[in-house]
Amino acid sequence: MTAAQGAADPPGADPDVLVYDGSFPGFLCALAEALNLARAKAPVPPIRARGREAGLFNESVEARRDDARAASLWRRLSRKLGEERMRTCLEAFCSDFEGKETALAAVIARAAAAGPAVFDDLNDPATLLVAKAARRAGAQAQLISGLVRFAELADGSWYAPIEPDCDVLPLVAEHFAARYADMAFAIHDRRRGTALVHEPGAACALVEGFEFAGGEG
């Protein structure tokens, strides 16, 4: 493992916890490190978002976010496990379940070694948590898809604020891009400071650190 791969080598021992920046690409980079450990027959460590690891473990190693590395891992896992299973993983990550990252790492590590049928083993606590988390986030995404109400802004674009319990924006991007293909709009998750921003004829972009300056028409 090198710094360019996303995390510094722990001094003399495997990390007690892998830390990431809270984003899905950041999680995938931490997952890549966890999978490297699993292939070396080392235990898969817990994964925590930055700020939630202090005081819980003796040694933490931060996985640096690298969007290209995250995309590469997503493609490899999609080929190995199938797009449907990876959609389940994304939904579980987007949930508000505590421990989702560690459960996902454990399940994906098992599935990478034994095949996608691991996702059907609901007798395993980690697999059960992933399934429940995915159902919760998926249900909220479906609900939000029917509840979003846009207001027209002074510049002719459209704005909709939401405050869901789960991080549903990554799950509804394709739906809204297809449904409102000719509209310029922003769906703003005020709880997380993120937004889906769309221009006519384009895919939605997920914007972090989004702020709304007002200007309704």
Protein backbone atom coordinates (compact mmCIF):
# COMPACT_ATOMS: atom_id res chain seq x y z
CA MET A 1 0.00 0.00 0.00
CA THR A 2 1.44 3.37 -0.96
CA ALA A 3 0.45 6.94 -0.25
CA ALA A 4 -0.55 7.31 -3.89
CA GLN A 5 -2.99 4.45 -3.41
CA GLY A 6 -4.86 6.36 -0.76
CA ALA A 7 -3.44 5.76 2.72
CA ALA A 8 -0.17 5.79 4.57
CA ASP A 9 1.28 2.51 5.76
CA PRO A 10 0.58 1.93 9.47
CA PRO A 11 3.80 1.75 11.50
CA GLY A 12 4.33 -1.93 12.22
CA ALA A 13 0.73 -3.12 12.46
CA ASP A 14 -2.55 -3.29 10.61
CA PRO A 15 -4.80 -0.30 11.38
CA ASP A 16 -7.45 -0.59 14.06
CA VAL A 17 -9.74 1.58 11.93
CA LEU A 18 -9.72 3.01 8.42
CA VAL A 19 -10.91 6.61 8.23
CA TYR A 20 -12.40 8.30 5.15
CA ASP A 21 -13.80 11.75 4.35
CA GLY A 22 -17.50 10.80 4.53
CA SER A 23 -18.11 10.69 0.77
CA PHE A 24 -18.91 7.58 -1.25
CA PRO A 25 -15.70 7.87 -3.33
CA GLY A 26 -13.80 8.25 -0.07
CA PHE A 27 -15.45 5.14 1.30
CA LEU A 28 -14.52 3.19 -1.83
CA CYS A 29 -10.88 4.17 -1.31
CA ALA A 30 -11.05 2.93 2.29
CA LEU A 31 -12.76 -0.22 1.01
CA ALA A 32 -9.87 -0.77 -1.42
CA GLU A 33 -7.47 -0.76 1.52
CA ALA A 34 -9.72 -3.16 3.44
CA LEU A 35 -9.84 -5.53 0.49
CA ASN A 36 -6.05 -5.44 0.23
CA LEU A 37 -5.88 -6.53 3.88
CA ALA A 38 -8.45 -9.28 3.28
CA ARG A 39 -6.43 -10.65 0.35
CA ALA A 40 -3.39 -10.74 2.63
CA LYS A 41 -5.44 -12.79 5.13
CA ALA A 42 -5.48 -9.91 7.62
CA PRO A 43 -8.69 -8.96 9.45
CA VAL A 44 -10.86 -6.35 7.72
CA PRO A 45 -10.77 -3.33 10.05
CA PRO A 46 -13.76 -1.13 10.86
CA ILE A 47 -14.28 1.84 8.56
CA ARG A 48 -15.44 5.17 9.97
CA ALA A 49 -16.10 8.61 8.54
CA ARG A 50 -13.68 11.24 9.74
CA GLY A 51 -14.75 12.60 13.13
CA ARG A 52 -16.38 9.37 14.28
CA GLU A 53 -13.22 7.42 15.04
CA ALA A 54 -11.69 9.42 17.90
CA GLY A 55 -11.35 7.54 21.16
CA LEU A 56 -12.68 4.27 19.80
CA PHE A 57 -9.51 2.67 18.52
CA ASN A 58 -5.79 2.77 19.23
CA GLU A 59 -4.61 3.50 15.70
CA SER A 60 -6.37 4.93 12.69
CA VAL A 61 -5.16 5.27 9.12
CA GLU A 62 -6.82 7.72 6.76
CA ALA A 63 -7.61 6.59 3.23
CA ARG A 64 -7.05 9.58 0.97
CA ARG A 65 -9.90 10.20 -1.44
CA ASP A 66 -8.96 9.45 -5.04
CA ASP A 67 -11.95 9.61 -7.38
CA ALA A 68 -10.17 7.70 -10.16
CA ARG A 69 -9.25 4.90 -7.78
CA ALA A 70 -12.82 4.81 -6.45
CA ALA A 71 -14.28 4.60 -9.97
CA SER A 72 -11.86 1.82 -10.89
CA LEU A 73 -12.83 -0.23 -7.84
CA TRP A 74 -16.54 0.32 -8.56
CA ARG A 75 -16.11 -0.99 -12.11
CA ARG A 76 -14.18 -4.05 -10.95
CA LEU A 77 -16.71 -4.91 -8.27
CA SER A 78 -19.61 -4.35 -10.68
CA ARG A 79 -18.09 -6.85 -13.11
CA LYS A 80 -17.47 -9.38 -10.35
CA LEU A 81 -20.60 -8.98 -8.22
CA GLY A 82 -23.10 -7.50 -10.69
CA GLU A 83 -24.68 -4.09 -10.98
CA GLU A 84 -27.70 -5.07 -8.88
CA ARG A 85 -25.51 -6.03 -5.91
CA MET A 86 -23.51 -2.84 -6.23
CA ARG A 87 -26.73 -0.83 -6.29
CA THR A 88 -27.59 -2.52 -2.98
CA CYS A 89 -24.19 -1.47 -1.64
CA LEU A 90 -24.75 2.14 -2.70
CA GLU A 91 -28.20 2.17 -1.12
CA ALA A 92 -26.81 0.75 2.13
CA PHE A 93 -24.07 3.38 2.18
CA CYS A 94 -26.65 6.13 1.68
CA SER A 95 -28.64 4.98 4.72
CA ASP A 96 -28.41 6.47 8.21
CA PHE A 97 -27.50 3.12 9.79
CA GLU A 98 -24.62 3.13 12.25
CA GLY A 99 -21.89 0.69 11.28
CA LYS A 100 -22.92 0.51 7.61
CA GLU A 101 -19.37 1.03 6.31
CA THR A 102 -17.86 -1.78 8.36
CA ALA A 103 -20.70 -4.13 7.45
CA LEU A 104 -20.33 -3.29 3.76
CA ALA A 105 -16.58 -3.91 3.87
CA ALA A 106 -17.09 -7.28 5.52
CA VAL A 107 -19.79 -8.38 3.07
CA ILE A 108 -17.95 -7.17 -0.03
CA ALA A 109 -14.72 -8.84 1.12
CA ARG A 110 -16.59 -12.14 1.54
CA ALA A 111 -18.39 -11.73 -1.79
CA ALA A 112 -15.14 -10.91 -3.60
CA ALA A 113 -13.77 -14.24 -2.41
CA ALA A 114 -16.88 -16.44 -2.51
CA GLY A 115 -19.21 -14.80 -5.04
CA PRO A 116 -22.32 -12.59 -4.99
CA ALA A 117 -24.49 -15.25 -3.28
CA VAL A 118 -22.98 -13.92 -0.04
CA PHE A 119 -25.52 -11.09 -0.26
CA ASP A 120 -28.33 -13.63 0.23
CA ASP A 121 -26.95 -15.00 3.51
CA LEU A 122 -29.16 -13.07 5.92
CA ASN A 123 -28.05 -15.26 8.81
CA ASP A 124 -24.83 -13.25 8.76
CA PRO A 125 -25.23 -10.08 10.89
CA ALA A 126 -23.26 -7.87 8.51
CA THR A 127 -25.23 -9.04 5.49
CA LEU A 128 -28.50 -8.50 7.34
CA LEU A 129 -27.47 -4.97 8.30
CA VAL A 130 -26.57 -4.19 4.69
CA ALA A 131 -29.92 -5.51 3.46
CA LYS A 132 -31.89 -3.50 6.05
CA ALA A 133 -29.88 -0.35 5.40
CA ALA A 134 -30.39 -0.66 1.64
CA ARG A 135 -34.14 -1.13 2.05
CA ARG A 136 -34.43 1.96 4.25
CA ALA A 137 -32.46 4.23 1.92
CA GLY A 138 -34.20 2.82 -1.16
CA ALA A 139 -37.62 3.43 0.35
CA GLN A 140 -36.73 7.01 1.23
CA ALA A 141 -35.39 7.63 -2.27
CA GLN A 142 -38.62 6.35 -3.79
CA LEU A 143 -40.66 8.54 -1.44
CA ILE A 144 -38.60 11.65 -2.16
CA SER A 145 -38.94 11.05 -5.91
CA GLY A 146 -42.66 11.68 -5.58
CA LEU A 147 -42.54 14.49 -3.01
CA VAL A 148 -40.01 16.96 -4.41
CA ARG A 149 -41.64 20.30 -5.21
CA PHE A 150 -39.73 22.85 -7.28
CA ALA A 151 -39.99 26.63 -7.05
CA GLU A 152 -39.01 28.76 -10.02
CA LEU A 153 -36.13 31.15 -9.43
CA ALA A 154 -35.62 34.61 -10.88
CA ASP A 155 -33.20 33.28 -13.52
CA GLY A 156 -35.71 30.71 -14.80
CA SER A 157 -34.10 27.72 -13.10
CA TRP A 158 -35.85 25.61 -10.47
CA TYR A 159 -34.99 24.86 -6.84
CA ALA A 160 -36.23 22.26 -4.36
CA PRO A 161 -35.02 21.87 -0.75
CA ILE A 162 -35.18 18.50 1.03
CA GLU A 163 -34.04 17.24 4.44
CA PRO A 164 -34.21 13.42 4.33
CA ASP A 165 -32.85 11.12 7.02
CA CYS A 166 -30.88 9.17 4.41
CA ASP A 167 -28.55 10.56 1.77
CA VAL A 168 -30.93 9.98 -1.13
CA LEU A 169 -29.50 12.31 -3.78
CA PRO A 170 -27.11 9.74 -5.30
CA LEU A 171 -30.06 7.35 -5.58
CA VAL A 172 -32.45 9.71 -7.39
CA ALA A 173 -30.07 11.47 -9.80
CA GLU A 174 -30.94 9.39 -12.86
CA HIS A 175 -34.67 9.60 -12.14
CA PHE A 176 -34.74 13.40 -12.03
CA ALA A 177 -32.33 13.85 -14.94
CA ALA A 178 -34.66 11.73 -17.10
CA ARG A 179 -37.92 13.18 -15.79
CA TYR A 180 -36.85 16.82 -16.11
CA ALA A 181 -34.37 16.53 -18.97
CA ASP A 182 -35.16 20.00 -20.32
CA MET A 183 -35.03 21.82 -16.97
CA ALA A 184 -32.20 23.55 -15.14
CA PHE A 185 -32.72 22.65 -11.50
CA ALA A 186 -31.10 22.05 -8.14
CA ILE A 187 -32.37 19.65 -5.48
CA HIS A 188 -30.73 20.79 -2.26
CA ASP A 189 -30.21 18.44 0.68
CA ARG A 190 -30.03 21.07 3.40
CA ARG A 191 -29.13 18.55 6.08
CA ARG A 192 -25.90 17.55 4.31
CA GLY A 193 -25.09 20.66 2.29
CA THR A 194 -25.17 18.80 -1.02
CA ALA A 195 -27.25 19.24 -4.16
CA LEU A 196 -28.13 17.59 -7.43
CA VAL A 197 -27.52 20.25 -10.07
CA HIS A 198 -28.85 19.67 -13.58
CA GLU A 199 -28.58 21.49 -16.87
CA PRO A 200 -30.84 20.63 -19.85
CA GLY A 201 -29.69 17.57 -21.75
CA ALA A 202 -27.00 16.65 -19.23
CA ALA A 203 -26.61 14.23 -16.36
CA CYS A 204 -27.05 15.47 -12.81
CA ALA A 205 -23.93 16.56 -10.94
CA LEU A 206 -23.67 15.97 -7.20
CA VAL A 207 -22.29 19.18 -5.68
CA GLU A 208 -20.77 19.15 -2.19
CA GLY A 209 -20.75 22.28 -0.02
CA PHE A 210 -23.81 23.69 -1.83
CA GLU A 211 -25.32 26.96 -0.61
CA PHE A 212 -28.58 28.52 -1.81
CA ALA A 213 -28.51 32.29 -2.15
CA GLY A 214 -32.27 32.72 -2.69
CA GLY A 215 -33.85 34.47 -5.61
CA GLU A 216 -37.22 32.78 -6.12
CA GLY A 217 -39.33 34.34 -8.84
